Amino acid sequence: MLLLVVYDTMRTQSSRDSSRPYTIVGEMNDHGAMTVVNTSGDAVFHIVEYDDNSVRRRLESLEAGQSVALTLDRAGARGNVWQASLEDSRHDR
């Protein structure tokens, strides 16, 4: 199976809007980074930061191919890197 992915470094998701479904394509690595793709398959996001440790642990438990609802916010001004939040972790604050 050939997976062709276009990296979309210009797309922005408005900060703190509702979560959207993403599919894990690269499980969390030893540095705590992981890769997800949106449901239409036209944008890849590299997650490098997490709202808190519970979000990190939840995402770390997922395998490639599984889906999860996330809210992504840019992680600083660097390229295509994002901070992930889970909808339920936002309500706990």
PDB file of N, CA and C in Angstrom:
ATOM      1  N   MET A   1       0.845  -1.173   0.000  1.00  0.00           N
ATOM      2  CA  MET A   1       0.000   0.000   0.000  1.00  0.00           C
ATOM      3  C   MET A   1       0.893   1.239   0.000  1.00  0.00           C
ATOM      4  N   LEU A   2       0.623   2.139  -0.887  1.00  0.00           N
ATOM      5  CA  LEU A   2       1.366   3.389  -0.996  1.00  0.00           C
ATOM      6  C   LEU A   2       0.531   4.496  -0.390  1.00  0.00           C
ATOM      7  N   LEU A   3       1.116   5.220   0.538  1.00  0.00           N
ATOM      8  CA  LEU A   3       0.426   6.344   1.171  1.00  0.00           C
ATOM      9  C   LEU A   3       1.118   7.616   0.743  1.00  0.00           C
ATOM     10  N   LEU A   4       0.418   8.420  -0.005  1.00  0.00           N
ATOM     11  CA  LEU A   4       0.946   9.700  -0.454  1.00  0.00           C
ATOM     12  C   LEU A   4       0.375  10.775   0.450  1.00  0.00           C
ATOM     13  N   VAL A   5       1.258  11.510   1.095  1.00  0.00           N
ATOM     14  CA  VAL A   5       0.820  12.527   2.035  1.00  0.00           C
ATOM     15  C   VAL A   5       1.430  13.857   1.656  1.00  0.00           C
ATOM     16  N   VAL A   6       0.618  14.878   1.638  1.00  0.00           N
ATOM     17  CA  VAL A   6       1.085  16.229   1.372  1.00  0.00           C
ATOM     18  C   VAL A   6       1.211  16.939   2.710  1.00  0.00           C
ATOM     19  N   TYR A   7       2.390  17.438   3.009  1.00  0.00           N
ATOM     20  CA  TYR A   7       2.595  18.165   4.251  1.00  0.00           C
ATOM     21  C   TYR A   7       2.052  19.578   4.108  1.00  0.00           C
ATOM     22  N   ASP A   8       1.142  19.928   4.964  1.00  0.00           N
ATOM     23  CA  ASP A   8       0.476  21.216   4.906  1.00  0.00           C
ATOM     24  C   ASP A   8       0.988  22.073   6.054  1.00  0.00           C
ATOM     25  N   THR A   9       2.032  22.854   5.779  1.00  0.00           N
ATOM     26  CA  THR A   9       2.632  23.659   6.834  1.00  0.00           C
ATOM     27  C   THR A   9       1.963  25.020   6.978  1.00  0.00           C
ATOM     28  N   MET A  10       1.086  25.379   6.076  1.00  0.00           N
ATOM     29  CA  MET A  10       0.454  26.686   6.147  1.00  0.00           C
ATOM     30  C   MET A  10      -0.920  26.640   6.818  1.00  0.00           C
ATOM     31  N   ARG A  11      -1.501  25.445   6.920  1.00  0.00           N
ATOM     32  CA  ARG A  11      -2.842  25.336   7.489  1.00  0.00           C
ATOM     33  C   ARG A  11      -2.804  25.656   8.977  1.00  0.00           C
ATOM     34  N   THR A  12      -3.792  26.396   9.433  1.00  0.00           N
ATOM     35  CA  THR A  12      -3.906  26.655  10.863  1.00  0.00           C
ATOM     36  C   THR A  12      -5.308  26.312  11.307  1.00  0.00           C
ATOM     37  N   GLN A  13      -5.397  25.730  12.461  1.00  0.00           N
ATOM     38  CA  GLN A  13      -6.695  25.453  13.061  1.00  0.00           C
ATOM     39  C   GLN A  13      -6.905  26.521  14.107  1.00  0.00           C
ATOM     40  N   SER A  14      -8.079  27.152  14.109  1.00  0.00           N
ATOM     41  CA  SER A  14      -8.242  28.234  15.061  1.00  0.00           C
ATOM     42  C   SER A  14      -8.086  27.721  16.471  1.00  0.00           C
ATOM     43  N   SER A  15      -7.367  28.519  17.207  1.00  0.00           N
ATOM     44  CA  SER A  15      -7.011  28.153  18.561  1.00  0.00           C
ATOM     45  C   SER A  15      -8.249  27.951  19.416  1.00  0.00           C
ATOM     46  N   ARG A  16      -8.233  26.872  20.146  1.00  0.00           N
ATOM     47  CA  ARG A  16      -9.256  26.565  21.144  1.00  0.00           C
ATOM     48  C   ARG A  16     -10.655  26.378  20.559  1.00  0.00           C
ATOM     49  N   ASP A  17     -10.731  25.890  19.320  1.00  0.00           N
ATOM     50  CA  ASP A  17     -12.048  25.551  18.800  1.00  0.00           C
ATOM     51  C   ASP A  17     -12.346  24.095  19.143  1.00  0.00           C
ATOM     52  N   SER A  18     -13.440  23.575  18.657  1.00  0.00           N
ATOM     53  CA  SER A  18     -13.831  22.210  18.992  1.00  0.00           C
ATOM     54  C   SER A  18     -12.855  21.201  18.380  1.00  0.00           C
ATOM     55  N   SER A  19     -12.828  20.028  18.980  1.00  0.00           N
ATOM     56  CA  SER A  19     -11.899  18.997  18.529  1.00  0.00           C
ATOM     57  C   SER A  19     -12.353  18.419  17.189  1.00  0.00           C
ATOM     58  N   ARG A  20     -11.409  17.790  16.520  1.00  0.00           N
ATOM     59  CA  ARG A  20     -11.651  17.153  15.222  1.00  0.00           C
ATOM     60  C   ARG A  20     -11.007  15.776  15.239  1.00  0.00           C
ATOM     61  N   PRO A  21     -11.510  14.844  14.434  1.00  0.00           N
ATOM     62  CA  PRO A  21     -10.921  13.503  14.419  1.00  0.00           C
ATOM     63  C   PRO A  21      -9.624  13.449  13.599  1.00  0.00           C
ATOM     64  N   TYR A  22      -8.657  12.724  14.129  1.00  0.00           N
ATOM     65  CA  TYR A  22      -7.369  12.497  13.464  1.00  0.00           C
ATOM     66  C   TYR A  22      -7.026  11.026  13.576  1.00  0.00           C
ATOM     67  N   THR A  23      -6.255  10.531  12.611  1.00  0.00           N
ATOM     68  CA  THR A  23      -5.781   9.152  12.627  1.00  0.00           C
ATOM     69  C   THR A  23      -4.287   9.148  12.904  1.00  0.00           C
ATOM     70  N   ILE A  24      -3.858   8.272  13.796  1.00  0.00           N
ATOM     71  CA  ILE A  24      -2.437   8.139  14.132  1.00  0.00           C
ATOM     72  C   ILE A  24      -1.741   7.453  12.969  1.00  0.00           C
ATOM     73  N   VAL A  25      -0.700   8.089  12.418  1.00  0.00           N
ATOM     74  CA  VAL A  25       0.088   7.462  11.359  1.00  0.00           C
ATOM     75  C   VAL A  25       1.511   7.175  11.830  1.00  0.00           C
ATOM     76  N   GLY A  26       1.932   7.849  12.869  1.00  0.00           N
ATOM     77  CA  GLY A  26       3.247   7.601  13.458  1.00  0.00           C
ATOM     78  C   GLY A  26       3.118   7.631  14.968  1.00  0.00           C
ATOM     79  N   GLU A  27       3.255   6.459  15.594  1.00  0.00           N
ATOM     80  CA  GLU A  27       3.119   6.373  17.038  1.00  0.00           C
ATOM     81  C   GLU A  27       4.160   7.247  17.724  1.00  0.00           C
ATOM     82  N   MET A  28       3.903   7.578  18.993  1.00  0.00           N
ATOM     83  CA  MET A  28       4.803   8.443  19.739  1.00  0.00           C
ATOM     84  C   MET A  28       6.202   7.833  19.800  1.00  0.00           C
ATOM     85  N   ASN A  29       7.200   8.649  19.468  1.00  0.00           N
ATOM     86  CA  ASN A  29       8.580   8.175  19.486  1.00  0.00           C
ATOM     87  C   ASN A  29       9.243   8.441  20.835  1.00  0.00           C
ATOM     88  N   ASP A  30      10.524   8.106  20.943  1.00  0.00           N
ATOM     89  CA  ASP A  30      11.257   8.260  22.204  1.00  0.00           C
ATOM     90  C   ASP A  30      11.392   9.718  22.640  1.00  0.00           C
ATOM     91  N   HIS A  31      11.169  10.646  21.733  1.00  0.00           N
ATOM     92  CA  HIS A  31      11.274  12.074  22.047  1.00  0.00           C
ATOM     93  C   HIS A  31       9.915  12.687  22.366  1.00  0.00           C
ATOM     94  N   GLY A  32       8.861  11.873  22.365  1.00  0.00           N
ATOM     95  CA  GLY A  32       7.531  12.347  22.694  1.00  0.00           C
ATOM     96  C   GLY A  32       6.777  12.972  21.540  1.00  0.00           C
ATOM     97  N   ALA A  33       7.261  12.797  20.325  1.00  0.00           N
ATOM     98  CA  ALA A  33       6.593  13.348  19.143  1.00  0.00           C
ATOM     99  C   ALA A  33       5.811  12.249  18.430  1.00  0.00           C
ATOM    100  N   MET A  34       4.736  12.636  17.779  1.00  0.00           N
ATOM    101  CA  MET A  34       3.955  11.680  16.995  1.00  0.00           C
ATOM    102  C   MET A  34       3.346  12.387  15.790  1.00  0.00           C
ATOM    103  N   THR A  35       2.842  11.601  14.842  1.00  0.00           N
ATOM    104  CA  THR A  35       2.288  12.148  13.613  1.00  0.00           C
ATOM    105  C   THR A  35       0.856  11.678  13.448  1.00  0.00           C
ATOM    106  N   VAL A  36      -0.023  12.623  13.100  1.00  0.00           N
ATOM    107  CA  VAL A  36      -1.430  12.313  12.833  1.00  0.00           C
ATOM    108  C   VAL A  36      -1.807  12.911  11.488  1.00  0.00           C
ATOM    109  N   VAL A  37      -2.880  12.381  10.908  1.00  0.00           N
ATOM    110  CA  VAL A  37      -3.416  12.906   9.656  1.00  0.00           C
ATOM    111  C   VAL A  37      -4.896  13.203   9.874  1.00  0.00           C
ATOM    112  N   ASN A  38      -5.387  14.270   9.233  1.00  0.00           N
ATOM    113  CA  ASN A  38      -6.813  14.568   9.363  1.00  0.00           C
ATOM    114  C   ASN A  38      -7.632  13.528   8.614  1.00  0.00           C
ATOM    115  N   THR A  39      -8.930  13.492   8.866  1.00  0.00           N
ATOM    116  CA  THR A  39      -9.763  12.421   8.323  1.00  0.00           C
ATOM    117  C   THR A  39      -9.858  12.433   6.805  1.00  0.00           C
ATOM    118  N   SER A  40      -9.690  13.582   6.186  1.00  0.00           N
ATOM    119  CA  SER A  40      -9.725  13.620   4.724  1.00  0.00           C
ATOM    120  C   SER A  40      -8.392  13.179   4.131  1.00  0.00           C
ATOM    121  N   GLY A  41      -7.375  13.062   4.966  1.00  0.00           N
ATOM    122  CA  GLY A  41      -6.078  12.569   4.516  1.00  0.00           C
ATOM    123  C   GLY A  41      -5.251  13.578   3.763  1.00  0.00           C
ATOM    124  N   ASP A  42      -5.634  14.856   3.799  1.00  0.00           N
ATOM    125  CA  ASP A  42      -4.895  15.837   3.008  1.00  0.00           C
ATOM    126  C   ASP A  42      -3.941  16.702   3.816  1.00  0.00           C
ATOM    127  N   ALA A  43      -3.827  16.443   5.125  1.00  0.00           N
ATOM    128  CA  ALA A  43      -2.910  17.243   5.939  1.00  0.00           C
ATOM    129  C   ALA A  43      -2.332  16.391   7.062  1.00  0.00           C
ATOM    130  N   VAL A  44      -1.035  16.507   7.244  1.00  0.00           N
ATOM    131  CA  VAL A  44      -0.311  15.776   8.281  1.00  0.00           C
ATOM    132  C   VAL A  44       0.137  16.767   9.347  1.00  0.00           C
ATOM    133  N   PHE A  45       0.041  16.365  10.609  1.00  0.00           N
ATOM    134  CA  PHE A  45       0.416  17.219  11.720  1.00  0.00           C
ATOM    135  C   PHE A  45       1.397  16.471  12.624  1.00  0.00           C
ATOM    136  N   HIS A  46       2.479  17.147  12.997  1.00  0.00           N
ATOM    137  CA  HIS A  46       3.483  16.569  13.886  1.00  0.00           C
ATOM    138  C   HIS A  46       3.245  17.145  15.283  1.00  0.00           C
ATOM    139  N   ILE A  47       2.819  16.293  16.188  1.00  0.00           N
ATOM    140  CA  ILE A  47       2.520  16.729  17.552  1.00  0.00           C
ATOM    141  C   ILE A  47       3.783  16.603  18.392  1.00  0.00           C
ATOM    142  N   VAL A  48       4.178  17.709  19.022  1.00  0.00           N
ATOM    143  CA  VAL A  48       5.405  17.725  19.823  1.00  0.00           C
ATOM    144  C   VAL A  48       5.171  18.216  21.246  1.00  0.00           C
ATOM    145  N   GLU A  49       3.965  18.754  21.504  1.00  0.00           N
ATOM    146  CA  GLU A  49       3.630  19.241  22.843  1.00  0.00           C
ATOM    147  C   GLU A  49       2.218  18.788  23.178  1.00  0.00           C
ATOM    148  N   TYR A  50       1.940  18.713  24.478  1.00  0.00           N
ATOM    149  CA  TYR A  50       0.659  18.221  24.965  1.00  0.00           C
ATOM    150  C   TYR A  50       0.155  19.148  26.058  1.00  0.00           C
ATOM    151  N   ASP A  51      -1.171  19.303  26.153  1.00  0.00           N
ATOM    152  CA  ASP A  51      -1.765  20.174  27.165  1.00  0.00           C
ATOM    153  C   ASP A  51      -1.293  19.812  28.568  1.00  0.00           C
ATOM    154  N   ASP A  52      -1.209  18.524  28.833  1.00  0.00           N
ATOM    155  CA  ASP A  52      -0.737  18.055  30.132  1.00  0.00           C
ATOM    156  C   ASP A  52      -0.311  16.589  30.005  1.00  0.00           C
ATOM    157  N   ASN A  53       0.168  16.018  31.111  1.00  0.00           N
ATOM    158  CA  ASN A  53       0.661  14.641  31.072  1.00  0.00           C
ATOM    159  C   ASN A  53      -0.425  13.620  30.789  1.00  0.00           C
ATOM    160  N   SER A  54      -1.668  13.905  31.189  1.00  0.00           N
ATOM    161  CA  SER A  54      -2.740  12.937  30.912  1.00  0.00           C
ATOM    162  C   SER A  54      -3.006  12.835  29.406  1.00  0.00           C
ATOM    163  N   VAL A  55      -2.910  13.954  28.700  1.00  0.00           N
ATOM    164  CA  VAL A  55      -3.079  13.949  27.245  1.00  0.00           C
ATOM    165  C   VAL A  55      -1.934  13.161  26.612  1.00  0.00           C
ATOM    166  N   ARG A  56      -0.721  13.409  27.069  1.00  0.00           N
ATOM    167  CA  ARG A  56       0.453  12.705  26.538  1.00  0.00           C
ATOM    168  C   ARG A  56       0.319  11.200  26.752  1.00  0.00           C
ATOM    169  N   ARG A  57      -0.074  10.788  27.950  1.00  0.00           N
ATOM    170  CA  ARG A  57      -0.221   9.349  28.241  1.00  0.00           C
ATOM    171  C   ARG A  57      -1.305   8.719  27.385  1.00  0.00           C
ATOM    172  N   ARG A  58      -2.420   9.420  27.210  1.00  0.00           N
ATOM    173  CA  ARG A  58      -3.516   8.889  26.386  1.00  0.00           C
ATOM    174  C   ARG A  58      -3.055   8.691  24.945  1.00  0.00           C
ATOM    175  N   LEU A  59      -2.372   9.675  24.388  1.00  0.00           N
ATOM    176  CA  LEU A  59      -1.916   9.564  23.000  1.00  0.00           C
ATOM    177  C   LEU A  59      -0.792   8.540  22.863  1.00  0.00           C
ATOM    178  N   GLU A  60       0.024   8.428  23.880  1.00  0.00           N
ATOM    179  CA  GLU A  60       1.111   7.443  23.853  1.00  0.00           C
ATOM    180  C   GLU A  60       0.567   6.017  23.799  1.00  0.00           C
ATOM    181  N   SER A  61      -0.630   5.803  24.329  1.00  0.00           N
ATOM    182  CA  SER A  61      -1.220   4.460  24.355  1.00  0.00           C
ATOM    183  C   SER A  61      -1.833   4.050  23.012  1.00  0.00           C
ATOM    184  N   LEU A  62      -1.958   4.989  22.079  1.00  0.00           N
ATOM    185  CA  LEU A  62      -2.594   4.694  20.793  1.00  0.00           C
ATOM    186  C   LEU A  62      -1.596   4.117  19.790  1.00  0.00           C
ATOM    187  N   GLU A  63      -2.107   3.266  18.911  1.00  0.00           N
ATOM    188  CA  GLU A  63      -1.291   2.648  17.864  1.00  0.00           C
ATOM    189  C   GLU A  63      -1.647   3.257  16.514  1.00  0.00           C
ATOM    190  N   ALA A  64      -0.746   3.096  15.564  1.00  0.00           N
ATOM    191  CA  ALA A  64      -0.993   3.572  14.199  1.00  0.00           C
ATOM    192  C   ALA A  64      -2.291   2.967  13.681  1.00  0.00           C
ATOM    193  N   GLY A  65      -3.094   3.821  13.047  1.00  0.00           N
ATOM    194  CA  GLY A  65      -4.375   3.394  12.498  1.00  0.00           C
ATOM    195  C   GLY A  65      -5.558   3.731  13.389  1.00  0.00           C
ATOM    196  N   GLN A  66      -5.312   3.976  14.669  1.00  0.00           N
ATOM    197  CA  GLN A  66      -6.398   4.349  15.571  1.00  0.00           C
ATOM    198  C   GLN A  66      -6.737   5.823  15.386  1.00  0.00           C
ATOM    199  N   SER A  67      -7.978   6.177  15.700  1.00  0.00           N
ATOM    200  CA  SER A  67      -8.426   7.562  15.575  1.00  0.00           C
ATOM    201  C   SER A  67      -8.689   8.151  16.941  1.00  0.00           C
ATOM    202  N   VAL A  68      -8.560   9.472  17.013  1.00  0.00           N
ATOM    203  CA  VAL A  68      -8.788  10.189  18.256  1.00  0.00           C
ATOM    204  C   VAL A  68      -9.236  11.607  17.923  1.00  0.00           C
ATOM    205  N   ALA A  69     -10.127  12.156  18.752  1.00  0.00           N
ATOM    206  CA  ALA A  69     -10.570  13.537  18.580  1.00  0.00           C
ATOM    207  C   ALA A  69      -9.606  14.446  19.330  1.00  0.00           C
ATOM    208  N   LEU A  70      -9.018  15.401  18.618  1.00  0.00           N
ATOM    209  CA  LEU A  70      -8.032  16.321  19.189  1.00  0.00           C
ATOM    210  C   LEU A  70      -8.344  17.753  18.800  1.00  0.00           C
ATOM    211  N   THR A  71      -7.826  18.661  19.589  1.00  0.00           N
ATOM    212  CA  THR A  71      -7.729  20.050  19.185  1.00  0.00           C
ATOM    213  C   THR A  71      -6.244  20.337  19.069  1.00  0.00           C
ATOM    214  N   LEU A  72      -5.830  20.884  17.949  1.00  0.00           N
ATOM    215  CA  LEU A  72      -4.418  21.190  17.709  1.00  0.00           C
ATOM    216  C   LEU A  72      -4.205  22.694  17.651  1.00  0.00           C
ATOM    217  N   ASP A  73      -3.165  23.140  18.319  1.00  0.00           N
ATOM    218  CA  ASP A  73      -2.747  24.537  18.283  1.00  0.00           C
ATOM    219  C   ASP A  73      -1.272  24.562  17.904  1.00  0.00           C
ATOM    220  N   ARG A  74      -0.870  25.539  17.132  1.00  0.00           N
ATOM    221  CA  ARG A  74       0.543  25.648  16.760  1.00  0.00           C
ATOM    222  C   ARG A  74       1.423  25.687  18.001  1.00  0.00           C
ATOM    223  N   ALA A  75       2.542  24.997  17.908  1.00  0.00           N
ATOM    224  CA  ALA A  75       3.521  24.986  18.999  1.00  0.00           C
ATOM    225  C   ALA A  75       4.617  25.984  18.641  1.00  0.00           C
ATOM    226  N   GLY A  76       4.422  27.224  19.014  1.00  0.00           N
ATOM    227  CA  GLY A  76       5.396  28.266  18.698  1.00  0.00           C
ATOM    228  C   GLY A  76       5.362  28.650  17.246  1.00  0.00           C
ATOM    229  N   ALA A  77       6.442  29.230  16.775  1.00  0.00           N
ATOM    230  CA  ALA A  77       6.518  29.720  15.400  1.00  0.00           C
ATOM    231  C   ALA A  77       7.246  28.751  14.478  1.00  0.00           C
ATOM    232  N   ARG A  78       7.650  27.606  15.005  1.00  0.00           N
ATOM    233  CA  ARG A  78       8.364  26.634  14.182  1.00  0.00           C
ATOM    234  C   ARG A  78       7.434  26.069  13.128  1.00  0.00           C
ATOM    235  N   GLY A  79       7.976  25.306  12.201  1.00  0.00           N
ATOM    236  CA  GLY A  79       7.237  24.747  11.076  1.00  0.00           C
ATOM    237  C   GLY A  79       5.947  24.033  11.435  1.00  0.00           C
ATOM    238  N   ASN A  80       5.781  22.841  10.953  1.00  0.00           N
ATOM    239  CA  ASN A  80       4.552  22.070  11.087  1.00  0.00           C
ATOM    240  C   ASN A  80       4.572  21.264  12.380  1.00  0.00           C
ATOM    241  N   VAL A  81       4.593  21.957  13.530  1.00  0.00           N
ATOM    242  CA  VAL A  81       4.561  21.281  14.824  1.00  0.00           C
ATOM    243  C   VAL A  81       3.407  21.826  15.656  1.00  0.00           C
ATOM    244  N   TRP A  82       2.778  20.946  16.424  1.00  0.00           N
ATOM    245  CA  TRP A  82       1.521  21.261  17.069  1.00  0.00           C
ATOM    246  C   TRP A  82       1.478  20.808  18.511  1.00  0.00           C
ATOM    247  N   GLN A  83       0.606  21.457  19.287  1.00  0.00           N
ATOM    248  CA  GLN A  83       0.302  21.043  20.649  1.00  0.00           C
ATOM    249  C   GLN A  83      -1.088  20.420  20.628  1.00  0.00           C
ATOM    250  N   ALA A  84      -1.220  19.243  21.252  1.00  0.00           N
ATOM    251  CA  ALA A  84      -2.485  18.516  21.250  1.00  0.00           C
ATOM    252  C   ALA A  84      -3.234  18.679  22.563  1.00  0.00           C
ATOM    253  N   SER A  85      -4.546  18.757  22.439  1.00  0.00           N
ATOM    254  CA  SER A  85      -5.456  18.772  23.583  1.00  0.00           C
ATOM    255  C   SER A  85      -6.575  17.790  23.300  1.00  0.00           C
ATOM    256  N   LEU A  86      -7.041  17.146  24.342  1.00  0.00           N
ATOM    257  CA  LEU A  86      -8.227  16.301  24.244  1.00  0.00           C
ATOM    258  C   LEU A  86      -9.399  17.096  24.770  1.00  0.00           C
ATOM    259  N   GLU A  87     -10.566  16.919  24.180  1.00  0.00           N
ATOM    260  CA  GLU A  87     -11.744  17.686  24.592  1.00  0.00           C
ATOM    261  C   GLU A  87     -12.017  17.519  26.079  1.00  0.00           C
ATOM    262  N   ASP A  88     -11.911  16.290  26.601  1.00  0.00           N
ATOM    263  CA  ASP A  88     -12.216  16.084  28.017  1.00  0.00           C
ATOM    264  C   ASP A  88     -11.183  16.739  28.933  1.00  0.00           C
ATOM    265  N   SER A  89      -9.928  16.913  28.468  1.00  0.00           N
ATOM    266  CA  SER A  89      -8.921  17.571  29.310  1.00  0.00           C
ATOM    267  C   SER A  89      -9.196  19.071  29.419  1.00  0.00           C
ATOM    268  N   ARG A  90      -9.874  19.649  28.461  1.00  0.00           N
ATOM    269  CA  ARG A  90     -10.220  21.071  28.499  1.00  0.00           C
ATOM    270  C   ARG A  90     -11.304  21.352  29.534  1.00  0.00           C
ATOM    271  N   HIS A  91     -12.217  20.403  29.700  1.00  0.00           N
ATOM    272  CA  HIS A  91     -13.320  20.603  30.641  1.00  0.00           C
ATOM    273  C   HIS A  91     -12.854  20.473  32.089  1.00  0.00           C
ATOM    274  N   ASP A  92     -11.710  19.822  32.299  1.00  0.00           N
ATOM    275  CA  ASP A  92     -11.188  19.628  33.642  1.00  0.00           C
ATOM    276  C   ASP A  92     -10.542  20.890  34.189  1.00  0.00           C
ATOM    277  N   ARG A  93     -10.305  21.886  33.348  1.00  0.00           N
ATOM    278  CA  ARG A  93      -9.578  23.081  33.771  1.00  0.00           C
ATOM    279  C   ARG A  93     -10.478  24.100  34.398  1.00  0.00           C
TER     280      ARG A  93
END
